[in-house]
mmCIF file of all heavy atoms, coordinates in Angstrom:
data_MODEL
# 
_entry.id   MODEL 
# 
loop_
_atom_site.group_PDB 
_atom_site.id 
_atom_site.type_symbol 
_atom_site.label_atom_id 
_atom_site.label_alt_id 
_atom_site.label_comp_id 
_atom_site.label_asym_id 
_atom_site.label_entity_id 
_atom_site.label_seq_id 
_atom_site.pdbx_PDB_ins_code 
_atom_site.Cartn_x 
_atom_site.Cartn_y 
_atom_site.Cartn_z 
_atom_site.occupancy 
_atom_site.B_iso_or_equiv 
_atom_site.pdbx_formal_charge 
_atom_site.auth_seq_id 
_atom_site.auth_comp_id 
_atom_site.auth_asym_id 
_atom_site.auth_atom_id 
_atom_site.pdbx_PDB_model_num 
ATOM 1   N N   . LEU A 1 1  ? 118.598 105.543 101.094 1.00 0.00 ? 1  LEU A N   1 
ATOM 2   C CA  . LEU A 1 1  ? 119.030 104.050 101.022 1.00 0.00 ? 1  LEU A CA  1 
ATOM 3   C C   . LEU A 1 1  ? 118.367 103.273 102.206 1.00 0.00 ? 1  LEU A C   1 
ATOM 4   O O   . LEU A 1 1  ? 117.837 102.186 101.963 1.00 0.00 ? 1  LEU A O   1 
ATOM 5   C CB  . LEU A 1 1  ? 120.491 103.890 100.901 1.00 0.00 ? 1  LEU A CB  1 
ATOM 6   C CG  . LEU A 1 1  ? 120.944 102.353 100.820 1.00 0.00 ? 1  LEU A CG  1 
ATOM 7   C CD1 . LEU A 1 1  ? 120.449 101.741 99.505  1.00 0.00 ? 1  LEU A CD1 1 
ATOM 8   C CD2 . LEU A 1 1  ? 122.536 102.277 100.924 1.00 0.00 ? 1  LEU A CD2 1 
ATOM 9   N N   . LEU A 1 2  ? 118.504 103.819 103.347 1.00 0.00 ? 2  LEU A N   1 
ATOM 10  C CA  . LEU A 1 2  ? 117.924 103.076 104.587 1.00 0.00 ? 2  LEU A CA  1 
ATOM 11  C C   . LEU A 1 2  ? 116.433 103.018 104.435 1.00 0.00 ? 2  LEU A C   1 
ATOM 12  O O   . LEU A 1 2  ? 115.824 101.931 104.834 1.00 0.00 ? 2  LEU A O   1 
ATOM 13  C CB  . LEU A 1 2  ? 118.334 103.822 105.820 1.00 0.00 ? 2  LEU A CB  1 
ATOM 14  C CG  . LEU A 1 2  ? 119.803 103.808 106.177 1.00 0.00 ? 2  LEU A CG  1 
ATOM 15  C CD1 . LEU A 1 2  ? 120.097 104.735 107.417 1.00 0.00 ? 2  LEU A CD1 1 
ATOM 16  C CD2 . LEU A 1 2  ? 120.221 102.345 106.515 1.00 0.00 ? 2  LEU A CD2 1 
ATOM 17  N N   . ARG A 1 3  ? 115.775 104.073 103.967 1.00 0.00 ? 3  ARG A N   1 
ATOM 18  C CA  . ARG A 1 3  ? 114.350 104.100 103.794 1.00 0.00 ? 3  ARG A CA  1 
ATOM 19  C C   . ARG A 1 3  ? 113.937 103.030 102.794 1.00 0.00 ? 3  ARG A C   1 
ATOM 20  O O   . ARG A 1 3  ? 112.971 102.291 102.976 1.00 0.00 ? 3  ARG A O   1 
ATOM 21  C CB  . ARG A 1 3  ? 113.861 105.512 103.404 1.00 0.00 ? 3  ARG A CB  1 
ATOM 22  C CG  . ARG A 1 3  ? 112.404 105.586 103.382 1.00 0.00 ? 3  ARG A CG  1 
ATOM 23  C CD  . ARG A 1 3  ? 111.901 106.973 102.955 1.00 0.00 ? 3  ARG A CD  1 
ATOM 24  N NE  . ARG A 1 3  ? 112.394 107.322 101.562 1.00 0.00 ? 3  ARG A NE  1 
ATOM 25  C CZ  . ARG A 1 3  ? 111.786 106.859 100.452 1.00 0.00 ? 3  ARG A CZ  1 
ATOM 26  N NH1 . ARG A 1 3  ? 110.646 106.165 100.572 1.00 0.00 ? 3  ARG A NH1 1 
ATOM 27  N NH2 . ARG A 1 3  ? 112.231 107.029 99.261  1.00 0.00 ? 3  ARG A NH2 1 
ATOM 28  N N   . VAL A 1 4  ? 114.551 102.951 101.658 1.00 0.00 ? 4  VAL A N   1 
ATOM 29  C CA  . VAL A 1 4  ? 114.256 102.021 100.604 1.00 0.00 ? 4  VAL A CA  1 
ATOM 30  C C   . VAL A 1 4  ? 114.474 100.645 101.136 1.00 0.00 ? 4  VAL A C   1 
ATOM 31  O O   . VAL A 1 4  ? 113.668 99.638  100.865 1.00 0.00 ? 4  VAL A O   1 
ATOM 32  C CB  . VAL A 1 4  ? 115.152 102.276 99.332  1.00 0.00 ? 4  VAL A CB  1 
ATOM 33  C CG1 . VAL A 1 4  ? 114.931 101.169 98.263  1.00 0.00 ? 4  VAL A CG1 1 
ATOM 34  C CG2 . VAL A 1 4  ? 114.711 103.559 98.709  1.00 0.00 ? 4  VAL A CG2 1 
ATOM 35  N N   . GLN A 1 5  ? 115.646 100.369 101.819 1.00 0.00 ? 5  GLN A N   1 
ATOM 36  C CA  . GLN A 1 5  ? 115.863 98.984  102.479 1.00 0.00 ? 5  GLN A CA  1 
ATOM 37  C C   . GLN A 1 5  ? 114.788 98.617  103.390 1.00 0.00 ? 5  GLN A C   1 
ATOM 38  O O   . GLN A 1 5  ? 114.361 97.374  103.398 1.00 0.00 ? 5  GLN A O   1 
ATOM 39  C CB  . GLN A 1 5  ? 117.261 98.951  103.104 1.00 0.00 ? 5  GLN A CB  1 
ATOM 40  C CG  . GLN A 1 5  ? 118.485 98.991  102.155 1.00 0.00 ? 5  GLN A CG  1 
ATOM 41  C CD  . GLN A 1 5  ? 119.741 99.113  102.816 1.00 0.00 ? 5  GLN A CD  1 
ATOM 42  O OE1 . GLN A 1 5  ? 119.779 99.241  104.120 1.00 0.00 ? 5  GLN A OE1 1 
ATOM 43  N NE2 . GLN A 1 5  ? 120.953 98.964  102.119 1.00 0.00 ? 5  GLN A NE2 1 
ATOM 44  N N   . GLU A 1 6  ? 114.317 99.548  104.119 1.00 0.00 ? 6  GLU A N   1 
ATOM 45  C CA  . GLU A 1 6  ? 113.285 99.147  105.132 1.00 0.00 ? 6  GLU A CA  1 
ATOM 46  C C   . GLU A 1 6  ? 111.999 98.808  104.353 1.00 0.00 ? 6  GLU A C   1 
ATOM 47  O O   . GLU A 1 6  ? 111.366 97.838  104.726 1.00 0.00 ? 6  GLU A O   1 
ATOM 48  C CB  . GLU A 1 6  ? 113.032 100.412 106.085 1.00 0.00 ? 6  GLU A CB  1 
ATOM 49  C CG  . GLU A 1 6  ? 111.995 100.153 107.122 1.00 0.00 ? 6  GLU A CG  1 
ATOM 50  C CD  . GLU A 1 6  ? 111.899 101.351 108.094 1.00 0.00 ? 6  GLU A CD  1 
ATOM 51  O OE1 . GLU A 1 6  ? 112.565 102.421 107.825 1.00 0.00 ? 6  GLU A OE1 1 
ATOM 52  O OE2 . GLU A 1 6  ? 110.984 101.258 108.992 1.00 0.00 ? 6  GLU A OE2 1 
ATOM 53  N N   . GLN A 1 7  ? 111.649 99.476  103.338 1.00 0.00 ? 7  GLN A N   1 
ATOM 54  C CA  . GLN A 1 7  ? 110.467 99.272  102.555 1.00 0.00 ? 7  GLN A CA  1 
ATOM 55  C C   . GLN A 1 7  ? 110.601 97.859  101.806 1.00 0.00 ? 7  GLN A C   1 
ATOM 56  O O   . GLN A 1 7  ? 109.697 97.073  101.744 1.00 0.00 ? 7  GLN A O   1 
ATOM 57  C CB  . GLN A 1 7  ? 110.228 100.294 101.436 1.00 0.00 ? 7  GLN A CB  1 
ATOM 58  C CG  . GLN A 1 7  ? 109.810 101.606 102.051 1.00 0.00 ? 7  GLN A CG  1 
ATOM 59  C CD  . GLN A 1 7  ? 109.706 102.695 100.914 1.00 0.00 ? 7  GLN A CD  1 
ATOM 60  O OE1 . GLN A 1 7  ? 109.955 102.398 99.714  1.00 0.00 ? 7  GLN A OE1 1 
ATOM 61  N NE2 . GLN A 1 7  ? 109.268 103.857 101.329 1.00 0.00 ? 7  GLN A NE2 1 
ATOM 62  N N   . LEU A 1 8  ? 111.802 97.565  101.391 1.00 0.00 ? 8  LEU A N   1 
ATOM 63  C CA  . LEU A 1 8  ? 112.069 96.221  100.776 1.00 0.00 ? 8  LEU A CA  1 
ATOM 64  C C   . LEU A 1 8  ? 111.900 95.120  101.802 1.00 0.00 ? 8  LEU A C   1 
ATOM 65  O O   . LEU A 1 8  ? 111.280 93.996  101.462 1.00 0.00 ? 8  LEU A O   1 
ATOM 66  C CB  . LEU A 1 8  ? 113.493 96.210  100.114 1.00 0.00 ? 8  LEU A CB  1 
ATOM 67  C CG  . LEU A 1 8  ? 113.636 96.916  98.890  1.00 0.00 ? 8  LEU A CG  1 
ATOM 68  C CD1 . LEU A 1 8  ? 115.072 96.868  98.382  1.00 0.00 ? 8  LEU A CD1 1 
ATOM 69  C CD2 . LEU A 1 8  ? 112.735 96.370  97.797  1.00 0.00 ? 8  LEU A CD2 1 
ATOM 70  N N   . ALA A 1 9  ? 112.355 95.281  103.009 1.00 0.00 ? 9  ALA A N   1 
ATOM 71  C CA  . ALA A 1 9  ? 112.256 94.268  103.990 1.00 0.00 ? 9  ALA A CA  1 
ATOM 72  C C   . ALA A 1 9  ? 110.798 94.015  104.348 1.00 0.00 ? 9  ALA A C   1 
ATOM 73  O O   . ALA A 1 9  ? 110.312 92.821  104.500 1.00 0.00 ? 9  ALA A O   1 
ATOM 74  C CB  . ALA A 1 9  ? 112.944 94.708  105.192 1.00 0.00 ? 9  ALA A CB  1 
ATOM 75  N N   . LEU A 1 10 ? 109.968 95.109  104.485 1.00 0.00 ? 10 LEU A N   1 
ATOM 76  C CA  . LEU A 1 10 ? 108.543 94.967  104.737 1.00 0.00 ? 10 LEU A CA  1 
ATOM 77  C C   . LEU A 1 10 ? 107.851 94.152  103.533 1.00 0.00 ? 10 LEU A C   1 
ATOM 78  O O   . LEU A 1 10 ? 107.061 93.286  103.782 1.00 0.00 ? 10 LEU A O   1 
ATOM 79  C CB  . LEU A 1 10 ? 107.859 96.284  104.896 1.00 0.00 ? 10 LEU A CB  1 
ATOM 80  C CG  . LEU A 1 10 ? 108.352 97.045  106.231 1.00 0.00 ? 10 LEU A CG  1 
ATOM 81  C CD1 . LEU A 1 10 ? 107.756 98.445  106.239 1.00 0.00 ? 10 LEU A CD1 1 
ATOM 82  C CD2 . LEU A 1 10 ? 107.866 96.321  107.478 1.00 0.00 ? 10 LEU A CD2 1 
ATOM 83  N N   . ALA A 1 11 ? 108.229 94.544  102.368 1.00 0.00 ? 11 ALA A N   1 
ATOM 84  C CA  . ALA A 1 11 ? 107.670 93.936  101.234 1.00 0.00 ? 11 ALA A CA  1 
ATOM 85  C C   . ALA A 1 11 ? 107.974 92.417  101.149 1.00 0.00 ? 11 ALA A C   1 
ATOM 86  O O   . ALA A 1 11 ? 107.153 91.570  100.865 1.00 0.00 ? 11 ALA A O   1 
ATOM 87  C CB  . ALA A 1 11 ? 108.147 94.616  99.874  1.00 0.00 ? 11 ALA A CB  1 
ATOM 88  N N   . GLU A 1 12 ? 109.214 92.018  101.466 1.00 0.00 ? 12 GLU A N   1 
ATOM 89  C CA  . GLU A 1 12 ? 109.598 90.595  101.600 1.00 0.00 ? 12 GLU A CA  1 
ATOM 90  C C   . GLU A 1 12 ? 108.836 89.864  102.557 1.00 0.00 ? 12 GLU A C   1 
ATOM 91  O O   . GLU A 1 12 ? 108.461 88.700  102.337 1.00 0.00 ? 12 GLU A O   1 
ATOM 92  C CB  . GLU A 1 12 ? 111.184 90.550  101.754 1.00 0.00 ? 12 GLU A CB  1 
ATOM 93  C CG  . GLU A 1 12 ? 112.012 90.987  100.645 1.00 0.00 ? 12 GLU A CG  1 
ATOM 94  C CD  . GLU A 1 12 ? 113.417 90.937  100.827 1.00 0.00 ? 12 GLU A CD  1 
ATOM 95  O OE1 . GLU A 1 12 ? 113.825 90.613  102.128 1.00 0.00 ? 12 GLU A OE1 1 
ATOM 96  O OE2 . GLU A 1 12 ? 114.310 91.110  99.979  1.00 0.00 ? 12 GLU A OE2 1 
ATOM 97  N N   . LYS A 1 13 ? 108.555 90.476  103.717 1.00 0.00 ? 13 LYS A N   1 
ATOM 98  C CA  . LYS A 1 13 ? 107.886 89.787  104.775 1.00 0.00 ? 13 LYS A CA  1 
ATOM 99  C C   . LYS A 1 13 ? 106.422 89.563  104.345 1.00 0.00 ? 13 LYS A C   1 
ATOM 100 O O   . LYS A 1 13 ? 105.873 88.569  104.607 1.00 0.00 ? 13 LYS A O   1 
ATOM 101 C CB  . LYS A 1 13 ? 107.856 90.651  106.003 1.00 0.00 ? 13 LYS A CB  1 
ATOM 102 C CG  . LYS A 1 13 ? 109.345 90.650  106.733 1.00 0.00 ? 13 LYS A CG  1 
ATOM 103 C CD  . LYS A 1 13 ? 109.237 91.546  107.985 1.00 0.00 ? 13 LYS A CD  1 
ATOM 104 C CE  . LYS A 1 13 ? 110.558 91.509  108.767 1.00 0.00 ? 13 LYS A CE  1 
ATOM 105 N NZ  . LYS A 1 13 ? 110.581 92.322  109.985 1.00 0.00 ? 13 LYS A NZ  1 
ATOM 106 N N   . GLU A 1 14 ? 105.874 90.521  103.630 1.00 0.00 ? 14 GLU A N   1 
ATOM 107 C CA  . GLU A 1 14 ? 104.481 90.426  103.137 1.00 0.00 ? 14 GLU A CA  1 
ATOM 108 C C   . GLU A 1 14 ? 104.415 89.281  102.137 1.00 0.00 ? 14 GLU A C   1 
ATOM 109 O O   . GLU A 1 14 ? 103.486 88.496  102.207 1.00 0.00 ? 14 GLU A O   1 
ATOM 110 C CB  . GLU A 1 14 ? 104.037 91.718  102.575 1.00 0.00 ? 14 GLU A CB  1 
ATOM 111 C CG  . GLU A 1 14 ? 103.778 92.926  103.608 1.00 0.00 ? 14 GLU A CG  1 
ATOM 112 C CD  . GLU A 1 14 ? 102.568 92.502  104.476 1.00 0.00 ? 14 GLU A CD  1 
ATOM 113 O OE1 . GLU A 1 14 ? 101.653 91.891  104.011 1.00 0.00 ? 14 GLU A OE1 1 
ATOM 114 O OE2 . GLU A 1 14 ? 102.606 93.016  105.630 1.00 0.00 ? 14 GLU A OE2 1 
ATOM 115 N N   . LEU A 1 15 ? 105.363 89.259  101.202 1.00 0.00 ? 15 LEU A N   1 
ATOM 116 C CA  . LEU A 1 15 ? 105.307 88.228  100.318 1.00 0.00 ? 15 LEU A CA  1 
ATOM 117 C C   . LEU A 1 15 ? 105.512 86.889  100.802 1.00 0.00 ? 15 LEU A C   1 
ATOM 118 O O   . LEU A 1 15 ? 104.882 85.898  100.418 1.00 0.00 ? 15 LEU A O   1 
ATOM 119 C CB  . LEU A 1 15 ? 106.544 88.492  99.220  1.00 0.00 ? 15 LEU A CB  1 
ATOM 120 C CG  . LEU A 1 15 ? 106.313 89.645  98.231  1.00 0.00 ? 15 LEU A CG  1 
ATOM 121 C CD1 . LEU A 1 15 ? 107.547 89.875  97.432  1.00 0.00 ? 15 LEU A CD1 1 
ATOM 122 C CD2 . LEU A 1 15 ? 105.130 89.420  97.350  1.00 0.00 ? 15 LEU A CD2 1 
ATOM 123 N N   . GLU A 1 16 ? 106.474 86.794  101.848 1.00 0.00 ? 16 GLU A N   1 
ATOM 124 C CA  . GLU A 1 16 ? 106.692 85.475  102.450 1.00 0.00 ? 16 GLU A CA  1 
ATOM 125 C C   . GLU A 1 16 ? 105.381 85.039  103.206 1.00 0.00 ? 16 GLU A C   1 
ATOM 126 O O   . GLU A 1 16 ? 105.027 83.797  103.128 1.00 0.00 ? 16 GLU A O   1 
ATOM 127 C CB  . GLU A 1 16 ? 107.841 85.552  103.358 1.00 0.00 ? 16 GLU A CB  1 
ATOM 128 C CG  . GLU A 1 16 ? 108.156 84.321  104.038 1.00 0.00 ? 16 GLU A CG  1 
ATOM 129 C CD  . GLU A 1 16 ? 109.405 84.359  104.914 1.00 0.00 ? 16 GLU A CD  1 
ATOM 130 O OE1 . GLU A 1 16 ? 109.917 85.558  105.077 1.00 0.00 ? 16 GLU A OE1 1 
ATOM 131 O OE2 . GLU A 1 16 ? 109.894 83.365  105.468 1.00 0.00 ? 16 GLU A OE2 1 
ATOM 132 N N   . LYS A 1 17 ? 104.751 85.910  103.842 1.00 0.00 ? 17 LYS A N   1 
ATOM 133 C CA  . LYS A 1 17 ? 103.501 85.521  104.573 1.00 0.00 ? 17 LYS A CA  1 
ATOM 134 C C   . LYS A 1 17 ? 102.530 85.056  103.603 1.00 0.00 ? 17 LYS A C   1 
ATOM 135 O O   . LYS A 1 17 ? 101.740 84.099  103.833 1.00 0.00 ? 17 LYS A O   1 
ATOM 136 C CB  . LYS A 1 17 ? 103.093 86.802  105.345 1.00 0.00 ? 17 LYS A CB  1 
ATOM 137 C CG  . LYS A 1 17 ? 101.907 86.554  106.208 1.00 0.00 ? 17 LYS A CG  1 
ATOM 138 C CD  . LYS A 1 17 ? 101.517 87.769  107.055 1.00 0.00 ? 17 LYS A CD  1 
ATOM 139 C CE  . LYS A 1 17 ? 100.316 87.525  107.919 1.00 0.00 ? 17 LYS A CE  1 
ATOM 140 N NZ  . LYS A 1 17 ? 99.851  88.679  108.765 1.00 0.00 ? 17 LYS A NZ  1 
ATOM 141 N N   . LYS A 1 18 ? 102.388 85.811  102.474 1.00 0.00 ? 18 LYS A N   1 
ATOM 142 C CA  . LYS A 1 18 ? 101.326 85.376  101.493 1.00 0.00 ? 18 LYS A CA  1 
ATOM 143 C C   . LYS A 1 18 ? 101.623 84.013  100.805 1.00 0.00 ? 18 LYS A C   1 
ATOM 144 O O   . LYS A 1 18 ? 100.799 83.221  100.602 1.00 0.00 ? 18 LYS A O   1 
ATOM 145 C CB  . LYS A 1 18 ? 101.166 86.477  100.403 1.00 0.00 ? 18 LYS A CB  1 
ATOM 146 C CG  . LYS A 1 18 ? 100.590 87.747  100.876 1.00 0.00 ? 18 LYS A CG  1 
ATOM 147 C CD  . LYS A 1 18 ? 100.521 88.824  99.789  1.00 0.00 ? 18 LYS A CD  1 
ATOM 148 C CE  . LYS A 1 18 ? 99.897  90.147  100.238 1.00 0.00 ? 18 LYS A CE  1 
ATOM 149 N NZ  . LYS A 1 18 ? 99.784  91.044  99.210  1.00 0.00 ? 18 LYS A NZ  1 
ATOM 150 N N   . PHE A 1 19 ? 102.882 83.834  100.587 1.00 0.00 ? 19 PHE A N   1 
ATOM 151 C CA  . PHE A 1 19 ? 103.372 82.574  99.905  1.00 0.00 ? 19 PHE A CA  1 
ATOM 152 C C   . PHE A 1 19 ? 103.176 81.360  100.947 1.00 0.00 ? 19 PHE A C   1 
ATOM 153 O O   . PHE A 1 19 ? 102.780 80.264  100.440 1.00 0.00 ? 19 PHE A O   1 
ATOM 154 C CB  . PHE A 1 19 ? 104.806 82.768  99.519  1.00 0.00 ? 19 PHE A CB  1 
ATOM 155 C CG  . PHE A 1 19 ? 105.350 81.508  98.880  1.00 0.00 ? 19 PHE A CG  1 
ATOM 156 C CD1 . PHE A 1 19 ? 105.013 81.206  97.564  1.00 0.00 ? 19 PHE A CD1 1 
ATOM 157 C CD2 . PHE A 1 19 ? 106.292 80.629  99.528  1.00 0.00 ? 19 PHE A CD2 1 
ATOM 158 C CE1 . PHE A 1 19 ? 105.447 79.993  97.022  1.00 0.00 ? 19 PHE A CE1 1 
ATOM 159 C CE2 . PHE A 1 19 ? 106.664 79.399  98.964  1.00 0.00 ? 19 PHE A CE2 1 
ATOM 160 C CZ  . PHE A 1 19 ? 106.333 79.266  97.556  1.00 0.00 ? 19 PHE A CZ  1 
ATOM 161 N N   . GLN A 1 20 ? 103.372 81.560  102.157 1.00 0.00 ? 20 GLN A N   1 
ATOM 162 C CA  . GLN A 1 20 ? 103.147 80.474  103.120 1.00 0.00 ? 20 GLN A CA  1 
ATOM 163 C C   . GLN A 1 20 ? 101.701 80.054  103.235 1.00 0.00 ? 20 GLN A C   1 
ATOM 164 O O   . GLN A 1 20 ? 101.338 79.002  103.564 1.00 0.00 ? 20 GLN A O   1 
ATOM 165 C CB  . GLN A 1 20 ? 103.658 80.772  104.507 1.00 0.00 ? 20 GLN A CB  1 
ATOM 166 C CG  . GLN A 1 20 ? 105.162 80.991  104.640 1.00 0.00 ? 20 GLN A CG  1 
ATOM 167 C CD  . GLN A 1 20 ? 105.770 81.429  105.884 1.00 0.00 ? 20 GLN A CD  1 
ATOM 168 O OE1 . GLN A 1 20 ? 104.913 81.706  106.825 1.00 0.00 ? 20 GLN A OE1 1 
ATOM 169 N NE2 . GLN A 1 20 ? 106.957 81.514  106.133 1.00 0.00 ? 20 GLN A NE2 1 
ATOM 170 N N   . GLN A 1 21 ? 100.828 80.996  102.963 1.00 0.00 ? 21 GLN A N   1 
ATOM 171 C CA  . GLN A 1 21 ? 99.378  80.613  103.006 1.00 0.00 ? 21 GLN A CA  1 
ATOM 172 C C   . GLN A 1 21 ? 98.914  79.922  101.722 1.00 0.00 ? 21 GLN A C   1 
ATOM 173 O O   . GLN A 1 21 ? 97.832  79.400  101.755 1.00 0.00 ? 21 GLN A O   1 
ATOM 174 C CB  . GLN A 1 21 ? 98.650  81.916  103.163 1.00 0.00 ? 21 GLN A CB  1 
ATOM 175 C CG  . GLN A 1 21 ? 98.940  82.636  104.533 1.00 0.00 ? 21 GLN A CG  1 
ATOM 176 C CD  . GLN A 1 21 ? 98.192  83.958  104.811 1.00 0.00 ? 21 GLN A CD  1 
ATOM 177 O OE1 . GLN A 1 21 ? 97.541  84.390  103.775 1.00 0.00 ? 21 GLN A OE1 1 
ATOM 178 N NE2 . GLN A 1 21 ? 98.314  84.502  105.988 1.00 0.00 ? 21 GLN A NE2 1 
ATOM 179 N N   . THR A 1 22 ? 99.634  79.769  100.739 1.00 0.00 ? 22 THR A N   1 
ATOM 180 C CA  . THR A 1 22 ? 99.293  79.088  99.462  1.00 0.00 ? 22 THR A CA  1 
ATOM 181 C C   . THR A 1 22 ? 99.404  77.676  99.564  1.00 0.00 ? 22 THR A C   1 
ATOM 182 O O   . THR A 1 22 ? 100.207 77.100  100.471 1.00 0.00 ? 22 THR A O   1 
ATOM 183 C CB  . THR A 1 22 ? 100.063 79.569  98.333  1.00 0.00 ? 22 THR A CB  1 
ATOM 184 O OG1 . THR A 1 22 ? 101.389 79.391  98.561  1.00 0.00 ? 22 THR A OG1 1 
ATOM 185 C CG2 . THR A 1 22 ? 99.906  81.151  98.083  1.00 0.00 ? 22 THR A CG2 1 
ATOM 186 N N   . ALA A 1 23 ? 98.645  76.805  98.722  1.00 0.00 ? 23 ALA A N   1 
ATOM 187 C CA  . ALA A 1 23 ? 98.693  75.388  98.742  1.00 0.00 ? 23 ALA A CA  1 
ATOM 188 C C   . ALA A 1 23 ? 99.991  74.853  98.137  1.00 0.00 ? 23 ALA A C   1 
ATOM 189 O O   . ALA A 1 23 ? 100.629 73.831  98.600  1.00 0.00 ? 23 ALA A O   1 
ATOM 190 C CB  . ALA A 1 23 ? 97.544  74.726  97.835  1.00 0.00 ? 23 ALA A CB  1 
ATOM 191 N N   . ALA A 1 24 ? 100.614 75.624  97.166  1.00 0.00 ? 24 ALA A N   1 
ATOM 192 C CA  . ALA A 1 24 ? 101.934 75.177  96.659  1.00 0.00 ? 24 ALA A CA  1 
ATOM 193 C C   . ALA A 1 24 ? 103.009 75.214  97.714  1.00 0.00 ? 24 ALA A C   1 
ATOM 194 O O   . ALA A 1 24 ? 103.882 74.343  97.761  1.00 0.00 ? 24 ALA A O   1 
ATOM 195 C CB  . ALA A 1 24 ? 102.222 76.120  95.492  1.00 0.00 ? 24 ALA A CB  1 
ATOM 196 N N   . TYR A 1 25 ? 102.974 76.146  98.617  1.00 0.00 ? 25 TYR A N   1 
ATOM 197 C CA  . TYR A 1 25 ? 103.984 76.283  99.597  1.00 0.00 ? 25 TYR A CA  1 
ATOM 198 C C   . TYR A 1 25 ? 103.936 75.056  100.565 1.00 0.00 ? 25 TYR A C   1 
ATOM 199 O O   . TYR A 1 25 ? 104.950 74.356  100.987 1.00 0.00 ? 25 TYR A O   1 
ATOM 200 C CB  . TYR A 1 25 ? 103.863 77.598  100.376 1.00 0.00 ? 25 TYR A CB  1 
ATOM 201 C CG  . TYR A 1 25 ? 104.750 77.703  101.592 1.00 0.00 ? 25 TYR A CG  1 
ATOM 202 C CD1 . TYR A 1 25 ? 106.179 77.992  101.424 1.00 0.00 ? 25 TYR A CD1 1 
ATOM 203 C CD2 . TYR A 1 25 ? 104.319 77.416  102.861 1.00 0.00 ? 25 TYR A CD2 1 
ATOM 204 C CE1 . TYR A 1 25 ? 106.964 78.009  102.486 1.00 0.00 ? 25 TYR A CE1 1 
ATOM 205 C CE2 . TYR A 1 25 ? 105.114 77.564  103.909 1.00 0.00 ? 25 TYR A CE2 1 
ATOM 206 C CZ  . TYR A 1 25 ? 106.458 77.926  103.690 1.00 0.00 ? 25 TYR A CZ  1 
ATOM 207 O OH  . TYR A 1 25 ? 107.362 77.913  104.815 1.00 0.00 ? 25 TYR A OH  1 
ATOM 208 N N   . ARG A 1 26 ? 102.611 74.707  100.909 1.00 0.00 ? 26 ARG A N   1 
ATOM 209 C CA  . ARG A 1 26 ? 102.413 73.579  101.835 1.00 0.00 ? 26 ARG A CA  1 
ATOM 210 C C   . ARG A 1 26 ? 102.899 72.304  101.243 1.00 0.00 ? 26 ARG A C   1 
ATOM 211 O O   . ARG A 1 26 ? 103.571 71.464  101.842 1.00 0.00 ? 26 ARG A O   1 
ATOM 212 C CB  . ARG A 1 26 ? 100.978 73.529  102.312 1.00 0.00 ? 26 ARG A CB  1 
ATOM 213 C CG  . ARG A 1 26 ? 100.539 74.649  103.212 1.00 0.00 ? 26 ARG A CG  1 
ATOM 214 C CD  . ARG A 1 26 ? 99.155  74.274  103.892 1.00 0.00 ? 26 ARG A CD  1 
ATOM 215 N NE  . ARG A 1 26 ? 98.046  74.252  102.818 1.00 0.00 ? 26 ARG A NE  1 
ATOM 216 C CZ  . ARG A 1 26 ? 97.412  75.229  102.405 1.00 0.00 ? 26 ARG A CZ  1 
ATOM 217 N NH1 . ARG A 1 26 ? 97.592  76.474  102.912 1.00 0.00 ? 26 ARG A NH1 1 
ATOM 218 N NH2 . ARG A 1 26 ? 96.469  75.157  101.484 1.00 0.00 ? 26 ARG A NH2 1 
# 
């Protein structure tokens, strides 16, 4: 469970980073 939670956290950070770079976010 800890391993999966860590992977989810990394995935959320990646998605947030990608979303902030889009025109819709701005």
